[in-house]
Structures are given as C-alpha cells and as structure tokens.
Amino acid sequence: MRDPNRGTTGSTSYPASRDDAGGSVSAIGLGVGEVARRLGVAPPTLRSWGRRYGLEPSGRSDGGHRRYTAADVVRLQTVLRLVRQGVPTATAAESVRTRTELPELTELPELPAPLRQQLPIRNVADRQRLLRALADRMDVLSVRGIVEAALGAAGVVPVWTELLAPLLAGLDKAANVEVHRMTSEVVAGCLHRYTGHLWSRRPPDPDRRPVLLAGLAGERQTLPLLAVAASLAEHRVLGQMLGTGVPVAALAAAAARREPAAVLIWASEPVAADLAAVGRLLRTHPDCPVVLGGVAWSPPGRLTVRLAASVADVTAVLIERPPATVARRRPSAG
C-alpha cells in the first residue's frame, strides 16, 4: 500500500510553491513525513502540534488524505523558529494562528544610533496587550523574546517609552508582587544583554568620558538607570552604574576618581529627591555637570542642574548637548 504521507497524484486547488526548507511544495501538498523531514522534526511532533495547537494540514488530496499546503509549511517554519528562540510552543502557535506580530530575535540593525532612536514601534497597542498577557502568565521566555527583538529593531528609547514603562506601571497598579518582580528581572536581563551586545560590537568611544548613573538613599528603581546605560551605549558612551541608595559621599568620591562627563541622579519617589545632598555634591565638585532624572524632583532653586523627567529626556541632555553645556552649579557670590 502506498504511504499516504508521501503524496499522491491528482489535482487540487493549491498551486505549486517554494518553501524555505528546501524544494517545492507540489500542487498536491505534502504529507506529514515529508514536512517533518524538511523541518528536521519527528512526524509525531507535527501530529501533536496539530492536535494540541490547531496546526493541522489544511489541504486534501483527491484520495481524501490530509496534506500540508505551502502556507501550512510557512506557518510551521515560523512556529519552529520561534520555539528555537525560546518562545513556548503554545504562544508561538497562537501568534501564527491569530497573526499576532510576535517578532523574531534579530541582530542589531546596522543603522546609526540617532536614526534608530527615531524608529517607531509598529502595533504598539497590540504589543502592549501581548506583553501584559505574557507577564501575567509569568511566561519568562516569551517576554524576553519580545523585549529583546524590540530593542534590536527600534532601540532603547522607543521600547522603554512605548512598551516597558507602561507595562511596569500597569503591573505596579495591579499590586501583583510576584509578577512585577519577575517582569522587572526579565527586563533588567534584557537591558544588560543588549548593552553587552552593543559593547561587543562597538566599544565605548575612548575620547568621551563616562557618565555616572546613580540613585540616592530611598531610591529603589534601577531599571530606568539600566535603560539610560543601554541608551548611552547606542551612542558609544559608557554609562557607569553605581546603583541606587548611594550615599552622596560615595558619589562624590566616584566623581573625583572618574572625572565624568556628567552625573545622573535618578529619583522616582520624593524620599529620594534630596536637593540638599545634590548641593553637597556640587559644593565639592562645582565643575561636574549634574542631571536630575525622574519625576520626583522639586524645582532646584539656586542649584543650576538640568531636570529631565524621562529616559528619552535624559538621553537627549547627555548625548545631544556637548558635555560642557550640561547644567553646572552657579558660582556662589563672594
């Protein structure tokens, strides 16, 4: 008896086509054995995907045997690629069936960083909903895959502004501690890996001094600082992380050793927005440009510092302006 998985002769409504796994998909379609061979998986795997995830062949031969069409093969290739990138099979299959735009992981495009900063993120609302659903399910690998793909395609500022900041804010409001902690750890890992990937390809510009990134006592948010560090790396500027809860004396000592182009002090909560501490830093280092990032800062009064509420604003201040023009403390009278 002829193996039905090897194909039969006869007419069908599906045209001959090429697939990416090698060879053409004939006008009669392909059986499960041939598709499995081309994809490098076992036939039982394809049958399981069909039963569990709805990825069944949509064509039939004249003899009534089910056949994979060219479109079916493309869908399976997409699912397999996503699975190999760490996306769970159910999520990958759902994205293919519903045509949800689940981007593949890609290398950083060879585009100038300022141009890449301006690239929009397509289907922002859809991606926000997908990320939130995956975070609620604590689907670590899927969240990581989407975030890293978005960073590689659009750059830090658009991804942080349009995807990550809204996601984290929404999770905070939901008061789901475990989901928020998991998502924060995944985002931090993505930003670390992205920054490391940039440095492996383009080391910091030796002619540019680093920028110190810190939060004072009471600050708990490290992710904005990691986002700024990654954004600076796109411009080949080293953002040196000192972390949060840094005593002003330690920050002053680091500034003395490193002689940075600027110091960024981030405050997301009023308890961490200590202008008196900033004043003490500026008295010991009057020539050190200081940028106050985050939404918690009050007007700085006589302290000539730059206020930059968002990651995008901080990047603009530190990159688009020459370091010498970033705000300094006014010399005191007398």
Protein backbone atom coordinates (compact mmCIF):
# COMPACT_ATOMS: atom_id res chain seq x y z
CA MET A 1 0.00 0.00 0.00
CA ARG A 2 1.24 3.46 -0.83
CA ASP A 3 2.29 5.53 2.17
CA PRO A 4 -0.25 8.39 2.32
CA ASN A 5 2.38 10.63 3.90
CA ARG A 6 4.47 10.53 0.72
CA GLY A 7 1.90 12.25 -1.51
CA THR A 8 -0.35 11.06 -4.32
CA THR A 9 -1.13 12.17 -7.82
CA GLY A 10 -4.22 14.16 -8.58
CA SER A 11 -5.47 17.70 -8.83
CA THR A 12 -6.10 20.18 -6.03
CA SER A 13 -6.80 23.85 -5.71
CA TYR A 14 -3.40 24.64 -4.16
CA PRO A 15 -0.74 25.92 -6.58
CA ALA A 16 2.81 24.72 -6.60
CA SER A 17 5.05 26.85 -4.41
CA ARG A 18 8.51 27.05 -2.91
CA ASP A 19 9.25 26.84 0.77
CA ASP A 20 12.38 27.76 2.73
CA ALA A 21 13.11 24.26 3.92
CA GLY A 22 14.38 23.12 0.54
CA GLY A 23 12.44 22.21 -2.59
CA SER A 24 8.97 22.99 -3.80
CA VAL A 25 5.64 22.23 -2.23
CA SER A 26 3.90 20.38 -5.01
CA ALA A 27 0.43 21.14 -6.27
CA ILE A 28 -0.90 18.17 -4.24
CA GLY A 29 0.68 19.32 -0.98
CA LEU A 30 2.95 17.33 1.32
CA GLY A 31 2.38 14.55 3.81
CA VAL A 32 3.45 14.71 7.42
CA GLY A 33 6.55 12.59 6.84
CA GLU A 34 7.94 14.86 4.12
CA VAL A 35 7.20 18.06 6.07
CA ALA A 36 8.82 16.59 9.19
CA ARG A 37 11.91 15.69 7.17
CA ARG A 38 12.19 19.18 5.72
CA LEU A 39 11.77 20.85 9.11
CA GLY A 40 14.06 18.44 10.93
CA VAL A 41 11.46 17.28 13.46
CA ALA A 42 9.79 13.95 14.14
CA PRO A 43 6.41 13.23 12.49
CA PRO A 44 4.78 12.66 15.91
CA THR A 45 5.78 16.22 16.80
CA LEU A 46 3.82 17.62 13.86
CA ARG A 47 0.83 15.44 14.69
CA SER A 48 0.97 16.63 18.30
CA TRP A 49 1.12 20.27 17.15
CA GLY A 50 -1.92 19.62 15.03
CA ARG A 51 -3.96 18.12 17.85
CA ARG A 52 -2.86 20.46 20.65
CA TYR A 53 -2.32 23.78 18.87
CA GLY A 54 -4.51 23.64 15.77
CA LEU A 55 -1.58 23.44 13.33
CA GLU A 56 -3.15 20.73 11.20
CA PRO A 57 -2.75 20.40 7.42
CA SER A 58 -5.43 22.36 5.59
CA GLY A 59 -5.30 20.62 2.20
CA ARG A 60 -6.52 17.26 0.94
CA SER A 61 -5.54 15.03 -1.94
CA ASP A 62 -8.04 13.52 -4.37
CA GLY A 63 -7.96 10.41 -2.21
CA GLY A 64 -9.02 12.39 0.85
CA HIS A 65 -5.65 12.33 2.61
CA ARG A 66 -4.73 15.46 4.55
CA ARG A 67 -1.88 17.44 3.01
CA TYR A 68 0.21 20.40 4.17
CA THR A 69 -0.07 23.33 1.76
CA ALA A 70 2.68 25.85 1.11
CA ALA A 71 1.03 28.23 3.58
CA ASP A 72 0.89 25.46 6.19
CA VAL A 73 4.61 24.82 5.80
CA VAL A 74 5.41 28.53 6.19
CA ARG A 75 3.36 28.64 9.40
CA LEU A 76 5.18 25.60 10.77
CA GLN A 77 8.54 27.13 9.88
CA THR A 78 7.58 30.27 11.78
CA VAL A 79 6.49 28.30 14.84
CA LEU A 80 9.68 26.23 14.78
CA ARG A 81 11.86 29.35 14.51
CA LEU A 82 10.12 30.98 17.49
CA VAL A 83 10.34 27.80 19.55
CA ARG A 84 14.07 27.56 18.90
CA GLN A 85 14.37 31.16 20.13
CA GLY A 86 12.80 30.17 23.44
CA VAL A 87 9.14 31.05 22.84
CA PRO A 88 6.77 28.37 24.23
CA THR A 89 5.10 26.30 21.52
CA ALA A 90 1.59 27.32 22.58
CA THR A 91 2.48 31.02 22.38
CA ALA A 92 4.23 30.63 19.03
CA ALA A 93 1.31 28.67 17.59
CA GLU A 94 -1.20 31.22 18.86
CA SER A 95 0.75 34.07 17.29
CA VAL A 96 0.73 32.26 13.93
CA ARG A 97 -2.95 31.31 14.05
CA THR A 98 -4.09 34.78 15.07
CA ARG A 99 -1.37 36.57 13.08
CA THR A 100 -0.22 38.36 16.23
CA GLU A 101 3.01 40.14 15.44
CA LEU A 102 5.49 38.24 17.58
CA PRO A 103 8.87 39.43 16.30
CA GLU A 104 11.80 37.12 15.93
CA LEU A 105 15.07 37.84 17.67
CA THR A 106 17.38 39.71 15.36
CA GLU A 107 20.83 41.19 15.42
CA LEU A 108 21.04 44.91 15.97
CA PRO A 109 20.46 46.63 12.62
CA GLU A 110 23.42 48.40 11.10
CA LEU A 111 21.84 51.82 11.47
CA PRO A 112 23.26 54.98 13.03
CA ALA A 113 22.07 55.20 16.62
CA PRO A 114 20.33 58.59 16.22
CA LEU A 115 18.30 57.20 13.30
CA ARG A 116 17.41 54.03 15.17
CA GLN A 117 16.22 56.13 18.12
CA GLN A 118 13.57 57.62 15.83
CA LEU A 119 12.19 54.34 14.51
CA PRO A 120 8.58 53.78 15.59
CA ILE A 121 7.36 50.54 17.11
CA ARG A 122 4.64 49.04 14.96
CA ASN A 123 1.35 47.93 16.50
CA VAL A 124 2.19 49.39 19.90
CA ALA A 125 -1.21 48.68 21.43
CA ASP A 126 -1.13 45.04 20.29
CA ARG A 127 2.35 44.52 21.68
CA GLN A 128 1.42 46.15 24.98
CA ARG A 129 -1.55 43.81 25.36
CA LEU A 130 0.54 40.78 24.39
CA LEU A 131 3.34 41.68 26.80
CA ARG A 132 0.88 42.24 29.64
CA ALA A 133 -0.83 38.90 28.99
CA LEU A 134 2.50 37.07 28.89
CA ALA A 135 3.71 38.83 32.05
CA ASP A 136 0.51 37.92 33.88
CA ARG A 137 1.15 34.29 32.91
CA MET A 138 4.78 34.68 34.08
CA ASP A 139 5.89 33.46 30.66
CA VAL A 140 9.54 34.45 31.07
CA LEU A 141 10.89 33.27 27.73
CA SER A 142 8.17 34.91 25.68
CA VAL A 143 8.53 38.26 27.45
CA ARG A 144 12.28 38.09 26.97
CA GLY A 145 11.92 37.24 23.28
CA ILE A 146 9.59 40.16 22.56
CA VAL A 147 11.62 42.70 24.53
CA GLU A 148 14.96 41.71 23.01
CA ALA A 149 13.53 41.68 19.50
CA ALA A 150 12.01 45.12 20.01
CA LEU A 151 15.30 46.51 21.36
CA GLY A 152 17.19 45.18 18.35
CA ALA A 153 14.67 46.63 15.92
CA ALA A 154 13.82 50.03 17.42
CA GLY A 155 16.38 50.94 20.09
CA VAL A 156 16.08 51.71 23.78
CA VAL A 157 14.14 54.97 23.94
CA PRO A 158 11.10 53.89 21.87
CA VAL A 159 10.95 50.48 23.54
CA TRP A 160 11.22 51.91 27.05
CA THR A 161 8.76 54.74 26.38
CA GLU A 162 6.12 52.82 24.44
CA LEU A 163 6.38 49.28 25.83
CA LEU A 164 8.35 48.79 29.03
CA ALA A 165 7.45 51.83 31.12
CA PRO A 166 3.67 51.36 30.52
CA LEU A 167 3.99 47.63 31.21
CA LEU A 168 5.80 48.13 34.53
CA ALA A 169 3.46 50.93 35.60
CA GLY A 170 0.43 48.76 34.86
CA LEU A 171 1.85 45.86 36.85
CA ASP A 172 2.54 48.17 39.79
CA LYS A 173 -1.08 49.27 39.82
CA ALA A 174 -2.21 45.65 39.79
CA ALA A 175 -0.23 45.13 43.02
CA ASN A 176 0.85 41.67 41.88
CA VAL A 177 4.20 41.45 43.61
CA GLU A 178 5.48 38.22 42.08
CA VAL A 179 4.51 39.14 38.52
CA HIS A 180 6.11 42.57 38.88
CA ARG A 181 9.30 41.12 40.35
CA MET A 182 9.58 38.52 37.59
CA THR A 183 8.93 41.07 34.85
CA SER A 184 11.43 43.51 36.33
CA GLU A 185 14.10 40.83 36.43
CA VAL A 186 13.42 39.84 32.83
CA VAL A 187 13.57 43.47 31.65
CA ALA A 188 16.79 44.06 33.59
CA GLY A 189 18.35 40.99 31.99
CA CYS A 190 17.30 42.14 28.52
CA LEU A 191 18.83 45.58 29.05
CA HIS A 192 22.07 44.05 30.39
CA ARG A 193 22.36 41.67 27.44
CA TYR A 194 21.53 44.38 24.92
CA THR A 195 24.18 46.69 26.38
CA GLY A 196 26.75 43.91 26.39
CA HIS A 197 25.89 43.09 22.78
CA LEU A 198 26.49 46.72 21.81
CA TRP A 199 29.83 46.88 23.59
CA SER A 200 30.97 43.63 21.97
CA ARG A 201 30.44 45.21 18.55
CA ARG A 202 31.32 48.84 19.23
CA PRO A 203 33.39 49.59 22.35
CA PRO A 204 32.97 52.92 24.14
CA ASP A 205 34.44 55.93 22.39
CA PRO A 206 37.80 56.47 24.13
CA ASP A 207 37.53 60.22 23.53
CA ARG A 208 34.34 60.52 25.59
CA ARG A 209 34.25 60.45 29.35
CA PRO A 210 31.77 58.19 31.11
CA VAL A 211 28.51 59.23 32.73
CA LEU A 212 27.89 58.16 36.32
CA LEU A 213 24.39 56.77 36.95
CA ALA A 214 23.05 56.65 40.50
CA GLY A 215 20.11 57.00 42.85
CA LEU A 216 20.42 58.45 46.34
CA ALA A 217 19.14 56.96 49.59
CA GLY A 218 15.49 55.98 49.28
CA GLU A 219 15.55 55.29 45.54
CA ARG A 220 14.54 51.73 44.62
CA GLN A 221 14.15 51.85 40.84
CA THR A 222 17.21 50.56 38.98
CA LEU A 223 15.51 49.85 35.64
CA PRO A 224 15.46 53.49 34.45
CA LEU A 225 19.20 53.67 35.12
CA LEU A 226 19.76 50.45 33.16
CA ALA A 227 17.70 51.89 30.31
CA VAL A 228 19.79 55.06 30.29
CA ALA A 229 23.00 52.98 30.31
CA ALA A 230 21.76 51.00 27.31
CA SER A 231 20.67 54.15 25.51
CA LEU A 232 24.08 55.75 26.07
CA ALA A 233 25.74 52.58 24.77
CA GLU A 234 23.93 53.08 21.46
CA HIS A 235 25.94 56.31 21.20
CA ARG A 236 29.19 54.66 22.37
CA VAL A 237 29.09 56.49 25.70
CA LEU A 238 29.80 54.46 28.84
CA GLY A 239 27.10 54.77 31.46
CA GLN A 240 28.77 53.59 34.67
CA MET A 241 26.18 52.14 37.04
CA LEU A 242 26.68 52.97 40.70
CA GLY A 243 23.23 51.66 41.62
CA THR A 244 20.62 53.03 43.99
CA GLY A 245 20.86 54.00 47.64
CA VAL A 246 24.27 55.58 47.01
CA PRO A 247 25.48 57.91 49.81
CA VAL A 248 26.36 61.33 48.48
CA ALA A 249 29.90 60.97 49.88
CA ALA A 250 30.39 57.81 47.80
CA LEU A 251 29.00 59.54 44.75
CA ALA A 252 31.41 62.46 45.28
CA ALA A 253 34.33 60.05 45.64
CA ALA A 254 33.38 58.29 42.40
CA ALA A 255 33.14 61.63 40.61
CA ALA A 256 36.61 62.55 41.86
CA ARG A 257 38.11 59.31 40.59
CA ARG A 258 36.33 59.11 37.24
CA GLU A 259 36.00 62.81 36.29
CA PRO A 260 32.78 62.02 34.40
CA ALA A 261 31.18 63.96 31.60
CA ALA A 262 28.10 64.19 33.82
CA VAL A 263 26.40 62.64 36.82
CA LEU A 264 22.82 61.43 36.53
CA ILE A 265 20.87 61.16 39.79
CA TRP A 266 17.52 59.42 39.32
CA ALA A 267 14.59 59.87 41.70
CA SER A 268 11.24 58.22 41.12
CA GLU A 269 9.96 58.94 44.64
CA PRO A 270 10.12 62.18 46.69
CA VAL A 271 12.08 60.49 49.50
CA ALA A 272 14.99 60.02 47.06
CA ALA A 273 14.85 63.55 45.60
CA ASP A 274 17.28 65.08 48.10
CA LEU A 275 18.29 68.51 46.80
CA ALA A 276 20.39 69.16 49.90
CA ALA A 277 22.52 66.12 49.03
CA VAL A 278 22.84 67.36 45.45
CA GLY A 279 24.00 70.71 46.81
CA ARG A 280 26.71 68.98 48.86
CA LEU A 281 27.89 67.13 45.76
CA LEU A 282 28.09 70.34 43.78
CA ARG A 283 29.99 72.16 46.51
CA THR A 284 32.73 69.51 46.35
CA HIS A 285 32.61 69.22 42.54
CA PRO A 286 31.40 72.56 41.18
CA ASP A 287 32.54 71.78 37.64
CA CYS A 288 30.73 68.45 37.41
CA PRO A 289 27.57 68.66 35.28
CA VAL A 290 24.60 67.13 37.12
CA VAL A 291 21.35 65.91 35.61
CA LEU A 292 18.38 65.14 37.84
CA GLY A 293 16.30 62.40 36.23
CA GLY A 294 12.86 61.13 37.13
CA VAL A 295 9.57 62.73 38.09
CA ALA A 296 10.11 63.29 41.81
CA TRP A 297 12.40 66.32 41.81
CA SER A 298 11.22 69.71 43.03
CA PRO A 299 12.47 72.94 41.41
CA PRO A 300 16.20 73.09 42.18
CA GLY A 301 16.27 76.72 43.25
CA ARG A 302 19.78 78.15 43.08
CA LEU A 303 21.32 74.85 42.01
CA THR A 304 21.98 75.02 38.29
CA VAL A 305 21.18 71.48 37.31
CA ARG A 306 19.22 70.06 34.42
CA LEU A 307 15.87 68.38 35.07
CA ALA A 308 14.99 65.50 32.75
CA ALA A 309 11.91 63.55 33.73
CA SER A 310 12.14 60.62 31.30
CA VAL A 311 14.72 58.26 29.85
CA ALA A 312 14.26 60.00 26.50
CA ASP A 313 14.86 63.43 28.04
CA VAL A 314 17.93 62.23 29.91
CA THR A 315 19.40 60.75 26.74
CA ALA A 316 18.78 64.00 24.86
CA VAL A 317 20.52 66.03 27.55
CA LEU A 318 23.52 63.74 27.83
CA ILE A 319 24.00 62.98 24.14
CA GLU A 320 22.67 65.81 22.01
CA ARG A 321 24.27 68.58 24.05
CA PRO A 322 28.04 68.89 24.44
CA PRO A 323 29.07 67.78 27.92
CA ALA A 324 30.31 71.28 28.78
CA THR A 325 26.85 72.73 28.30
CA VAL A 326 25.08 70.31 30.65
CA ALA A 327 23.99 72.35 33.64
CA ARG A 328 26.50 73.33 36.27
CA ARG A 329 26.19 74.99 39.65
CA ARG A 330 26.39 78.77 39.55
CA PRO A 331 29.46 80.14 41.27
CA SER A 332 28.50 81.44 44.69
CA ALA A 333 28.79 85.16 45.29
CA GLY A 334 31.82 86.10 47.30
